[in-house]
């Protein structure tokens, strides 16, 4: 597997913008309680919150447009609570557990349809964490040995990806948070214009 770069993601997705840095990683990592992988940090340094190919949707915790406390509550703890709640048996039949347990799943993105991307925090070195995807439609778990940049690269460029679906119907672009206006047109939210 060839390691991909955030520059390659930007080129493949047509992204030429940047972020509005509002905080450093030490503040984010302290708020969450864990050190993040380097490829994720590189991705967040280049891309604001948004969505790749209509399939990988994330909030950028170092961007000034994101409230860090809300990010930690909603995007981390809220997701973990929904998977740990009494109404779901999401982990039944798997050897997965949830963060902050050792090796627990830590969410980093979703697919805008309720499916969730996690890291399996199975190593002391976050650069060796595999990506795990829970598919809401099938309730299946898929694991990818690479990091977030590799996972996004595969979603952008090919039919064989962690989602196990062909995304040929969706343009391989990166889009900031936007409202669909119909007829293939999107209007970025005010703070991203």
N, C-alpha and C. Protein backbone atom coordinates (compact mmCIF):
# COMPACT_ATOMS: atom_id res chain seq x y z
N UNK A 1 0.85 -1.17 0.00
CA UNK A 1 0.00 0.00 0.00
C UNK A 1 0.90 1.24 0.00
N UNK A 2 0.68 2.12 -0.95
CA UNK A 2 1.44 3.34 -1.06
C UNK A 2 0.80 4.41 -0.18
N UNK A 3 1.60 5.05 0.65
CA UNK A 3 1.06 6.11 1.50
C UNK A 3 0.73 7.33 0.64
N UNK A 4 -0.45 7.85 0.83
CA UNK A 4 -0.90 9.03 0.11
C UNK A 4 -0.71 10.27 0.99
N UNK A 5 -0.68 11.42 0.36
CA UNK A 5 -0.50 12.67 1.09
C UNK A 5 -1.76 13.51 1.02
N UNK A 6 -1.82 14.49 1.90
CA UNK A 6 -2.96 15.41 1.87
C UNK A 6 -2.92 16.27 0.60
N UNK A 7 -1.72 16.50 0.05
CA UNK A 7 -1.64 17.23 -1.21
C UNK A 7 -2.29 16.43 -2.33
N UNK A 8 -2.10 15.11 -2.33
CA UNK A 8 -2.74 14.26 -3.33
C UNK A 8 -4.26 14.27 -3.16
N UNK A 9 -4.71 14.27 -1.91
CA UNK A 9 -6.16 14.37 -1.66
C UNK A 9 -6.71 15.69 -2.19
N UNK A 10 -5.98 16.77 -1.94
CA UNK A 10 -6.43 18.08 -2.41
C UNK A 10 -6.51 18.09 -3.93
N UNK A 11 -5.51 17.55 -4.59
CA UNK A 11 -5.51 17.52 -6.05
C UNK A 11 -6.65 16.64 -6.58
N UNK A 12 -6.83 15.46 -6.00
CA UNK A 12 -7.88 14.54 -6.46
C UNK A 12 -9.28 15.08 -6.22
N UNK A 13 -9.45 15.90 -5.17
CA UNK A 13 -10.78 16.41 -4.82
C UNK A 13 -11.03 17.83 -5.30
N UNK A 14 -10.02 18.44 -5.93
CA UNK A 14 -10.19 19.79 -6.44
C UNK A 14 -10.13 20.88 -5.37
N UNK A 15 -9.61 20.56 -4.18
CA UNK A 15 -9.58 21.53 -3.08
C UNK A 15 -8.37 22.44 -3.20
N UNK A 16 -8.61 23.75 -3.17
CA UNK A 16 -7.51 24.72 -3.23
C UNK A 16 -7.55 25.68 -2.04
N UNK A 17 -8.51 25.52 -1.14
CA UNK A 17 -8.66 26.43 0.00
C UNK A 17 -7.78 26.03 1.17
N UNK A 18 -8.16 26.50 2.33
CA UNK A 18 -7.40 26.22 3.54
C UNK A 18 -8.32 26.24 4.75
N UNK A 19 -7.72 26.32 5.93
CA UNK A 19 -8.49 26.39 7.16
C UNK A 19 -8.23 27.73 7.83
N UNK A 20 -9.01 28.01 8.87
CA UNK A 20 -8.77 29.17 9.73
C UNK A 20 -8.38 28.61 11.09
N UNK A 21 -7.12 28.41 11.28
CA UNK A 21 -6.64 27.77 12.49
C UNK A 21 -7.03 28.58 13.73
N UNK A 22 -7.63 27.88 14.69
CA UNK A 22 -8.11 28.55 15.89
C UNK A 22 -7.47 28.05 17.16
N UNK A 23 -6.80 26.88 17.09
CA UNK A 23 -6.17 26.30 18.29
C UNK A 23 -5.12 25.31 17.86
N UNK A 24 -4.30 24.91 18.81
CA UNK A 24 -3.26 23.93 18.50
C UNK A 24 -3.71 22.53 18.92
N UNK A 25 -2.95 21.54 18.47
CA UNK A 25 -3.31 20.15 18.75
C UNK A 25 -3.23 19.79 20.23
N UNK A 26 -2.32 20.43 20.96
CA UNK A 26 -2.21 20.13 22.40
C UNK A 26 -3.54 20.40 23.10
N UNK A 27 -4.21 21.49 22.73
CA UNK A 27 -5.50 21.84 23.34
C UNK A 27 -6.57 20.80 22.97
N UNK A 28 -6.60 20.39 21.71
CA UNK A 28 -7.59 19.40 21.26
C UNK A 28 -7.33 18.05 21.93
N UNK A 29 -6.07 17.63 21.93
CA UNK A 29 -5.73 16.33 22.51
C UNK A 29 -6.00 16.29 24.00
N UNK A 30 -5.78 17.39 24.69
CA UNK A 30 -6.09 17.45 26.11
C UNK A 30 -7.61 17.36 26.32
N UNK A 31 -8.38 18.03 25.48
CA UNK A 31 -9.84 18.02 25.63
C UNK A 31 -10.42 16.62 25.37
N UNK A 32 -9.83 15.88 24.44
CA UNK A 32 -10.34 14.54 24.12
C UNK A 32 -9.71 13.49 25.02
N UNK A 33 -8.44 13.71 25.40
CA UNK A 33 -7.77 12.76 26.28
C UNK A 33 -6.94 11.72 25.56
N UNK A 34 -6.49 12.05 24.35
CA UNK A 34 -5.67 11.11 23.58
C UNK A 34 -4.91 11.86 22.50
N UNK A 35 -3.79 11.28 22.06
CA UNK A 35 -3.00 11.86 20.97
C UNK A 35 -3.53 11.33 19.64
N UNK A 36 -3.67 12.20 18.64
CA UNK A 36 -4.23 11.83 17.35
C UNK A 36 -3.14 11.41 16.36
N UNK A 37 -3.50 10.61 15.34
CA UNK A 37 -2.53 10.21 14.31
C UNK A 37 -2.04 11.41 13.50
N UNK A 38 -0.80 11.30 13.03
CA UNK A 38 -0.18 12.38 12.26
C UNK A 38 -0.91 12.64 10.95
N UNK A 39 -1.41 11.59 10.27
CA UNK A 39 -2.09 11.83 8.99
C UNK A 39 -3.39 12.59 9.19
N UNK A 40 -4.07 12.35 10.31
CA UNK A 40 -5.29 13.10 10.63
C UNK A 40 -4.95 14.56 10.89
N UNK A 41 -3.87 14.80 11.62
CA UNK A 41 -3.45 16.18 11.89
C UNK A 41 -3.10 16.90 10.59
N UNK A 42 -2.43 16.20 9.68
CA UNK A 42 -2.08 16.80 8.38
C UNK A 42 -3.34 17.10 7.57
N UNK A 43 -4.31 16.19 7.62
CA UNK A 43 -5.56 16.39 6.92
C UNK A 43 -6.28 17.63 7.45
N UNK A 44 -6.34 17.76 8.78
CA UNK A 44 -7.02 18.89 9.39
C UNK A 44 -6.27 20.20 9.15
N UNK A 45 -4.97 20.15 8.93
CA UNK A 45 -4.21 21.36 8.64
C UNK A 45 -4.51 21.89 7.24
N UNK A 46 -5.04 21.03 6.36
CA UNK A 46 -5.29 21.42 4.98
C UNK A 46 -6.77 21.59 4.65
N UNK A 47 -7.64 20.83 5.30
CA UNK A 47 -9.07 20.84 4.98
C UNK A 47 -9.90 21.32 6.16
N UNK A 48 -10.81 22.27 5.94
CA UNK A 48 -11.74 22.64 7.02
C UNK A 48 -12.78 21.54 7.18
N UNK A 49 -13.73 21.73 8.06
CA UNK A 49 -14.84 20.78 8.17
C UNK A 49 -15.47 20.63 6.80
N UNK A 50 -15.98 19.44 6.51
CA UNK A 50 -16.60 19.23 5.22
C UNK A 50 -16.81 17.77 4.92
N UNK A 51 -16.92 17.48 3.62
CA UNK A 51 -17.27 16.13 3.19
C UNK A 51 -16.54 15.77 1.90
N UNK A 52 -15.94 14.59 1.88
CA UNK A 52 -15.32 14.05 0.69
C UNK A 52 -16.31 13.15 -0.03
N UNK A 53 -16.55 13.45 -1.28
CA UNK A 53 -17.38 12.65 -2.20
C UNK A 53 -18.76 12.31 -1.62
N UNK A 54 -19.28 13.17 -0.78
CA UNK A 54 -20.58 12.94 -0.18
C UNK A 54 -20.60 11.74 0.75
N UNK A 55 -19.41 11.26 1.17
CA UNK A 55 -19.36 10.01 1.92
C UNK A 55 -18.53 10.06 3.19
N UNK A 56 -17.60 10.97 3.30
CA UNK A 56 -16.78 11.07 4.52
C UNK A 56 -16.92 12.49 5.04
N UNK A 57 -17.75 12.65 6.05
CA UNK A 57 -18.12 13.94 6.61
C UNK A 57 -17.46 14.11 7.98
N UNK A 58 -16.78 15.23 8.19
CA UNK A 58 -16.08 15.42 9.46
C UNK A 58 -16.07 16.89 9.87
N UNK A 59 -15.86 17.10 11.17
CA UNK A 59 -15.63 18.44 11.72
C UNK A 59 -14.14 18.57 12.02
N UNK A 60 -13.58 19.75 11.78
CA UNK A 60 -12.16 19.99 12.00
C UNK A 60 -11.97 20.67 13.36
N UNK A 61 -11.43 19.97 14.35
CA UNK A 61 -11.34 20.53 15.70
C UNK A 61 -10.31 21.64 15.88
N UNK A 62 -9.40 21.85 14.91
CA UNK A 62 -8.45 22.96 15.07
C UNK A 62 -8.89 24.21 14.32
N UNK A 63 -9.97 24.13 13.55
CA UNK A 63 -10.49 25.27 12.80
C UNK A 63 -11.28 26.17 13.74
N UNK A 64 -11.08 27.46 13.64
CA UNK A 64 -11.72 28.45 14.52
C UNK A 64 -13.25 28.41 14.40
N UNK A 65 -13.77 27.91 13.28
CA UNK A 65 -15.22 27.87 13.07
C UNK A 65 -15.89 26.74 13.85
N UNK A 66 -15.11 25.90 14.47
CA UNK A 66 -15.64 24.78 15.26
C UNK A 66 -15.45 25.09 16.74
N UNK A 67 -16.54 24.96 17.50
CA UNK A 67 -16.50 25.12 18.95
C UNK A 67 -15.93 23.82 19.53
N UNK A 68 -14.78 23.89 20.18
CA UNK A 68 -14.10 22.69 20.66
C UNK A 68 -14.93 21.92 21.67
N UNK A 69 -15.55 22.59 22.61
CA UNK A 69 -16.37 21.90 23.61
C UNK A 69 -17.54 21.17 22.95
N UNK A 70 -18.17 21.80 21.97
CA UNK A 70 -19.28 21.17 21.25
C UNK A 70 -18.77 19.99 20.42
N UNK A 71 -17.61 20.12 19.80
CA UNK A 71 -17.00 19.03 19.04
C UNK A 71 -16.78 17.82 19.95
N UNK A 72 -16.17 18.04 21.11
CA UNK A 72 -15.89 16.93 22.03
C UNK A 72 -17.20 16.31 22.51
N UNK A 73 -18.18 17.14 22.85
CA UNK A 73 -19.46 16.60 23.34
C UNK A 73 -20.23 15.86 22.25
N UNK A 74 -20.39 16.48 21.08
CA UNK A 74 -21.23 15.91 20.03
C UNK A 74 -20.52 14.86 19.18
N UNK A 75 -19.35 15.21 18.68
CA UNK A 75 -18.66 14.36 17.71
C UNK A 75 -17.89 13.21 18.35
N UNK A 76 -17.55 13.33 19.61
CA UNK A 76 -16.84 12.25 20.30
C UNK A 76 -17.80 11.57 21.29
N UNK A 77 -18.11 12.26 22.39
CA UNK A 77 -18.91 11.64 23.45
C UNK A 77 -20.34 11.29 23.00
N UNK A 78 -20.95 12.15 22.20
CA UNK A 78 -22.30 11.85 21.73
C UNK A 78 -22.36 10.58 20.90
N UNK A 79 -21.38 10.40 20.02
CA UNK A 79 -21.32 9.18 19.20
C UNK A 79 -21.06 7.97 20.09
N UNK A 80 -20.09 8.10 21.00
CA UNK A 80 -19.78 6.98 21.90
C UNK A 80 -21.00 6.60 22.74
N UNK A 81 -21.71 7.59 23.25
CA UNK A 81 -22.91 7.32 24.05
C UNK A 81 -23.98 6.61 23.24
N UNK A 82 -24.12 6.99 21.97
CA UNK A 82 -25.14 6.32 21.15
C UNK A 82 -24.78 4.85 20.90
N UNK A 83 -23.50 4.53 20.83
CA UNK A 83 -23.09 3.14 20.63
C UNK A 83 -23.11 2.35 21.94
N UNK A 84 -23.04 3.04 23.06
CA UNK A 84 -23.05 2.37 24.36
C UNK A 84 -24.45 2.31 24.97
N UNK A 85 -25.39 3.02 24.36
CA UNK A 85 -26.73 3.13 24.91
C UNK A 85 -27.47 1.80 24.99
N UNK A 86 -28.49 1.74 25.82
CA UNK A 86 -29.23 0.50 26.03
C UNK A 86 -30.06 0.07 24.81
N UNK A 87 -30.29 0.96 23.87
CA UNK A 87 -31.12 0.65 22.71
C UNK A 87 -30.33 -0.02 21.58
N UNK A 88 -29.03 -0.12 21.72
CA UNK A 88 -28.24 -0.68 20.63
C UNK A 88 -27.36 -1.83 21.07
N UNK A 89 -27.19 -2.80 20.20
CA UNK A 89 -26.26 -3.89 20.43
C UNK A 89 -25.19 -3.85 19.35
N UNK A 90 -24.72 -2.64 19.07
CA UNK A 90 -23.79 -2.39 17.98
C UNK A 90 -22.52 -3.23 18.05
N UNK A 91 -22.03 -3.46 19.26
CA UNK A 91 -20.76 -4.17 19.42
C UNK A 91 -20.93 -5.67 19.65
N UNK A 92 -22.16 -6.12 19.76
CA UNK A 92 -22.43 -7.53 20.01
C UNK A 92 -21.85 -8.38 18.89
N UNK A 93 -21.15 -9.45 19.28
CA UNK A 93 -20.56 -10.35 18.31
C UNK A 93 -19.23 -9.87 17.75
N UNK A 94 -18.70 -8.77 18.29
CA UNK A 94 -17.40 -8.25 17.85
C UNK A 94 -16.45 -8.25 19.05
N UNK A 95 -15.18 -8.03 18.77
CA UNK A 95 -14.23 -7.84 19.88
C UNK A 95 -13.94 -6.35 20.09
N UNK A 96 -14.77 -5.49 19.51
CA UNK A 96 -14.60 -4.05 19.68
C UNK A 96 -15.15 -3.59 21.02
N UNK A 97 -14.54 -2.55 21.52
CA UNK A 97 -15.03 -1.85 22.71
C UNK A 97 -14.89 -0.36 22.41
N UNK A 98 -15.38 0.48 23.29
CA UNK A 98 -15.40 1.91 23.03
C UNK A 98 -14.35 2.66 23.84
N UNK A 99 -13.82 3.72 23.23
CA UNK A 99 -12.93 4.65 23.91
C UNK A 99 -13.68 5.22 25.12
N UNK A 100 -13.10 5.37 26.28
CA UNK A 100 -11.67 5.37 26.57
C UNK A 100 -11.09 4.02 27.01
N UNK A 101 -11.83 2.93 26.84
CA UNK A 101 -11.25 1.63 27.18
C UNK A 101 -10.01 1.40 26.32
N UNK A 102 -9.03 0.67 26.83
CA UNK A 102 -7.83 0.37 26.03
C UNK A 102 -8.22 -0.30 24.71
N UNK A 103 -7.70 0.23 23.61
CA UNK A 103 -8.02 -0.31 22.30
C UNK A 103 -9.41 0.06 21.81
N UNK A 104 -10.08 0.97 22.53
CA UNK A 104 -11.47 1.32 22.20
C UNK A 104 -11.61 2.11 20.92
N UNK A 105 -12.82 2.04 20.35
CA UNK A 105 -13.14 2.77 19.13
C UNK A 105 -13.34 4.25 19.44
N UNK A 106 -12.69 5.09 18.65
CA UNK A 106 -12.77 6.55 18.79
C UNK A 106 -13.29 7.13 17.48
N UNK A 107 -14.46 7.78 17.46
CA UNK A 107 -15.02 8.30 16.21
C UNK A 107 -14.25 9.49 15.66
N UNK A 108 -14.17 9.57 14.32
CA UNK A 108 -13.53 10.73 13.69
C UNK A 108 -14.34 11.30 12.52
N UNK A 109 -15.33 10.56 12.00
CA UNK A 109 -16.13 11.06 10.88
C UNK A 109 -17.40 10.22 10.77
N UNK A 110 -18.30 10.66 9.87
CA UNK A 110 -19.49 9.86 9.55
C UNK A 110 -19.72 9.94 8.04
N UNK A 111 -20.73 9.22 7.58
CA UNK A 111 -20.98 9.23 6.13
C UNK A 111 -22.22 10.04 5.76
N UNK A 112 -22.71 10.87 6.62
CA UNK A 112 -23.90 11.71 6.47
C UNK A 112 -25.20 10.92 6.46
N UNK A 113 -25.12 9.60 6.51
CA UNK A 113 -26.31 8.77 6.56
C UNK A 113 -26.43 8.01 7.87
N UNK A 114 -25.59 8.35 8.84
CA UNK A 114 -25.65 7.70 10.14
C UNK A 114 -24.59 6.64 10.37
N UNK A 115 -23.84 6.27 9.35
CA UNK A 115 -22.73 5.34 9.53
C UNK A 115 -21.55 6.12 10.10
N UNK A 116 -20.63 5.41 10.77
CA UNK A 116 -19.57 6.10 11.51
C UNK A 116 -18.21 5.50 11.20
N UNK A 117 -17.21 6.39 11.06
CA UNK A 117 -15.81 6.02 10.95
C UNK A 117 -15.17 6.16 12.32
N UNK A 118 -14.40 5.17 12.72
CA UNK A 118 -13.68 5.17 14.00
C UNK A 118 -12.20 4.85 13.74
N UNK A 119 -11.40 5.10 14.75
CA UNK A 119 -10.09 4.46 14.86
C UNK A 119 -10.23 3.37 15.91
N UNK A 120 -9.53 2.27 15.72
CA UNK A 120 -9.39 1.28 16.80
C UNK A 120 -8.06 1.62 17.45
N UNK A 121 -8.13 2.18 18.65
CA UNK A 121 -6.95 2.72 19.34
C UNK A 121 -6.15 1.58 19.98
N UNK A 122 -5.77 0.62 19.15
CA UNK A 122 -5.17 -0.62 19.62
C UNK A 122 -3.67 -0.56 19.86
N UNK A 123 -3.04 0.53 19.53
CA UNK A 123 -1.59 0.66 19.67
C UNK A 123 -1.27 1.91 20.46
N UNK A 124 -0.13 1.87 21.15
CA UNK A 124 0.36 3.07 21.84
C UNK A 124 0.61 4.19 20.83
N UNK A 125 1.01 3.80 19.61
CA UNK A 125 1.32 4.77 18.56
C UNK A 125 0.08 4.99 17.70
N UNK A 126 -0.53 6.17 17.76
CA UNK A 126 -1.75 6.41 16.99
C UNK A 126 -1.55 6.28 15.48
N UNK A 127 -0.30 6.36 15.02
CA UNK A 127 -0.03 6.21 13.59
C UNK A 127 -0.21 4.78 13.10
N UNK A 128 -0.45 3.87 14.02
CA UNK A 128 -0.70 2.47 13.66
C UNK A 128 -2.15 2.04 13.90
N UNK A 129 -3.02 2.99 14.23
CA UNK A 129 -4.42 2.65 14.45
C UNK A 129 -5.10 2.34 13.12
N UNK A 130 -5.81 1.21 13.02
CA UNK A 130 -6.61 0.97 11.82
C UNK A 130 -7.90 1.78 11.89
N UNK A 131 -8.48 2.00 10.72
CA UNK A 131 -9.78 2.67 10.62
C UNK A 131 -10.86 1.59 10.59
N UNK A 132 -11.93 1.83 11.35
CA UNK A 132 -13.06 0.90 11.41
C UNK A 132 -14.30 1.68 10.98
N UNK A 133 -15.12 1.05 10.14
CA UNK A 133 -16.34 1.70 9.64
C UNK A 133 -17.54 0.86 10.04
N UNK A 134 -18.53 1.49 10.69
CA UNK A 134 -19.79 0.83 11.01
C UNK A 134 -20.83 1.32 10.02
N UNK A 135 -21.40 0.39 9.27
CA UNK A 135 -22.38 0.70 8.25
C UNK A 135 -23.78 0.63 8.85
N UNK A 136 -24.45 1.76 8.93
CA UNK A 136 -25.78 1.81 9.53
C UNK A 136 -26.79 0.96 8.75
N UNK A 137 -26.67 0.94 7.44
CA UNK A 137 -27.62 0.21 6.62
C UNK A 137 -27.57 -1.30 6.81
N UNK A 138 -26.37 -1.83 7.03
CA UNK A 138 -26.21 -3.29 7.17
C UNK A 138 -25.84 -3.71 8.58
N UNK A 139 -25.51 -2.74 9.44
CA UNK A 139 -25.00 -2.99 10.80
C UNK A 139 -23.74 -3.83 10.78
N UNK A 140 -22.97 -3.73 9.69
CA UNK A 140 -21.72 -4.46 9.57
C UNK A 140 -20.54 -3.56 9.89
N UNK A 141 -19.48 -4.19 10.36
CA UNK A 141 -18.22 -3.52 10.66
C UNK A 141 -17.20 -3.89 9.59
N UNK A 142 -16.46 -2.90 9.08
CA UNK A 142 -15.38 -3.13 8.12
C UNK A 142 -14.14 -2.45 8.68
N UNK A 143 -13.00 -3.09 8.52
CA UNK A 143 -11.76 -2.53 9.05
C UNK A 143 -10.75 -2.36 7.93
N UNK A 144 -10.00 -1.28 7.99
CA UNK A 144 -8.98 -0.94 7.00
C UNK A 144 -7.66 -0.74 7.75
N UNK A 145 -6.58 -1.36 7.29
CA UNK A 145 -5.31 -1.25 8.01
C UNK A 145 -4.65 0.12 7.91
N UNK A 146 -5.04 0.92 6.92
CA UNK A 146 -4.42 2.22 6.72
C UNK A 146 -5.06 3.31 7.56
N UNK A 147 -4.51 4.49 7.45
CA UNK A 147 -5.02 5.63 8.19
C UNK A 147 -6.10 6.38 7.43
N UNK A 148 -6.48 7.53 7.95
CA UNK A 148 -7.60 8.28 7.37
C UNK A 148 -7.31 8.77 5.96
N UNK A 149 -6.09 9.18 5.68
CA UNK A 149 -5.78 9.68 4.34
C UNK A 149 -5.93 8.55 3.32
N UNK A 150 -5.45 7.34 3.64
CA UNK A 150 -5.61 6.20 2.74
C UNK A 150 -7.09 5.87 2.51
N UNK A 151 -7.86 5.87 3.59
CA UNK A 151 -9.29 5.57 3.49
C UNK A 151 -9.98 6.59 2.59
N UNK A 152 -9.70 7.85 2.79
CA UNK A 152 -10.33 8.90 1.98
C UNK A 152 -9.86 8.81 0.53
N UNK A 153 -8.59 8.52 0.31
CA UNK A 153 -8.06 8.36 -1.04
C UNK A 153 -8.86 7.28 -1.80
N UNK A 154 -9.08 6.15 -1.14
CA UNK A 154 -9.83 5.06 -1.78
C UNK A 154 -11.29 5.45 -2.05
N UNK A 155 -11.88 6.21 -1.14
CA UNK A 155 -13.25 6.68 -1.37
C UNK A 155 -13.29 7.64 -2.56
N UNK A 156 -12.29 8.51 -2.67
CA UNK A 156 -12.24 9.48 -3.76
C UNK A 156 -11.95 8.87 -5.12
N UNK A 157 -11.10 7.85 -5.14
CA UNK A 157 -10.56 7.41 -6.43
C UNK A 157 -11.02 6.06 -6.94
N UNK A 158 -11.70 5.27 -6.13
CA UNK A 158 -12.05 3.95 -6.63
C UNK A 158 -13.30 3.36 -6.03
N UNK A 159 -13.76 2.29 -6.67
CA UNK A 159 -14.97 1.62 -6.19
C UNK A 159 -14.66 0.71 -5.00
N UNK A 160 -13.41 0.25 -4.86
CA UNK A 160 -13.04 -0.63 -3.77
C UNK A 160 -12.63 0.22 -2.58
N UNK A 161 -13.49 0.30 -1.57
CA UNK A 161 -13.21 1.15 -0.42
C UNK A 161 -13.86 0.57 0.82
N UNK A 162 -13.57 1.15 1.97
CA UNK A 162 -14.08 0.65 3.25
C UNK A 162 -15.61 0.67 3.31
N UNK A 163 -16.24 1.52 2.52
CA UNK A 163 -17.70 1.59 2.49
C UNK A 163 -18.32 0.38 1.79
N UNK A 164 -17.50 -0.29 0.98
CA UNK A 164 -17.95 -1.43 0.17
C UNK A 164 -19.08 -1.05 -0.76
N UNK A 165 -18.93 0.14 -1.36
CA UNK A 165 -19.93 0.57 -2.34
C UNK A 165 -19.26 1.39 -3.42
N UNK A 166 -19.84 1.36 -4.59
CA UNK A 166 -19.36 2.16 -5.71
C UNK A 166 -19.98 3.54 -5.59
N UNK A 167 -19.14 4.55 -5.54
CA UNK A 167 -19.62 5.92 -5.38
C UNK A 167 -19.57 6.69 -6.70
N UNK A 168 -19.61 5.96 -7.81
CA UNK A 168 -19.51 6.59 -9.12
C UNK A 168 -20.57 7.64 -9.39
N UNK A 169 -21.68 7.57 -8.69
CA UNK A 169 -22.76 8.55 -8.86
C UNK A 169 -22.42 9.89 -8.22
N UNK A 170 -21.42 9.94 -7.36
CA UNK A 170 -21.07 11.15 -6.61
C UNK A 170 -19.74 11.68 -7.13
N UNK A 171 -19.67 12.99 -7.40
CA UNK A 171 -18.41 13.59 -7.88
C UNK A 171 -17.33 13.43 -6.81
N UNK A 172 -16.09 13.13 -7.24
CA UNK A 172 -14.99 12.97 -6.28
C UNK A 172 -14.42 14.32 -5.83
N UNK A 173 -15.20 15.05 -5.08
CA UNK A 173 -14.81 16.40 -4.64
C UNK A 173 -14.83 16.49 -3.13
N UNK A 174 -14.18 17.53 -2.62
CA UNK A 174 -14.30 17.93 -1.22
C UNK A 174 -15.21 19.14 -1.18
N UNK A 175 -16.18 19.12 -0.29
CA UNK A 175 -17.12 20.23 -0.17
C UNK A 175 -17.19 20.68 1.29
N UNK A 176 -17.05 21.98 1.53
CA UNK A 176 -17.24 22.52 2.88
C UNK A 176 -18.71 22.38 3.24
N UNK A 177 -19.09 22.55 4.51
CA UNK A 177 -20.51 22.48 4.86
C UNK A 177 -21.33 23.41 3.97
N UNK A 178 -22.32 22.83 3.29
CA UNK A 178 -23.07 23.54 2.26
C UNK A 178 -24.53 23.11 2.26
N UNK A 179 -25.33 23.90 1.58
CA UNK A 179 -26.74 23.57 1.36
C UNK A 179 -26.91 23.24 -0.12
N UNK A 180 -27.57 22.11 -0.39
CA UNK A 180 -27.82 21.72 -1.78
C UNK A 180 -28.94 22.58 -2.34
N UNK A 181 -28.68 23.23 -3.47
CA UNK A 181 -29.66 24.11 -4.09
C UNK A 181 -30.43 23.42 -5.20
N UNK A 182 -30.08 22.17 -5.47
CA UNK A 182 -30.70 21.44 -6.57
C UNK A 182 -29.91 21.61 -7.84
N UNK A 183 -30.18 20.76 -8.80
CA UNK A 183 -29.52 20.82 -10.10
C UNK A 183 -27.99 20.76 -9.98
N UNK A 184 -27.51 20.04 -8.96
CA UNK A 184 -26.06 19.87 -8.80
C UNK A 184 -25.33 21.07 -8.22
N UNK A 185 -26.06 22.07 -7.74
CA UNK A 185 -25.42 23.28 -7.20
C UNK A 185 -25.47 23.26 -5.68
N UNK A 186 -24.38 23.77 -5.09
CA UNK A 186 -24.25 23.83 -3.63
C UNK A 186 -23.87 25.24 -3.21
N UNK A 187 -24.42 25.70 -2.08
CA UNK A 187 -24.09 27.01 -1.52
C UNK A 187 -23.38 26.78 -0.19
N UNK A 188 -22.08 27.13 -0.11
CA UNK A 188 -21.38 26.95 1.17
C UNK A 188 -22.04 27.77 2.28
N UNK A 189 -22.06 27.21 3.49
CA UNK A 189 -22.59 27.96 4.63
C UNK A 189 -21.81 29.26 4.78
N UNK A 190 -22.47 30.26 5.32
CA UNK A 190 -21.92 31.63 5.38
C UNK A 190 -20.49 31.67 5.90
N UNK A 191 -20.20 30.96 7.00
CA UNK A 191 -18.86 31.04 7.57
C UNK A 191 -17.79 30.37 6.73
N UNK A 192 -18.17 29.65 5.66
CA UNK A 192 -17.20 28.99 4.78
C UNK A 192 -17.08 29.66 3.42
N UNK A 193 -17.77 30.78 3.24
CA UNK A 193 -17.66 31.51 1.95
C UNK A 193 -16.47 32.42 1.94
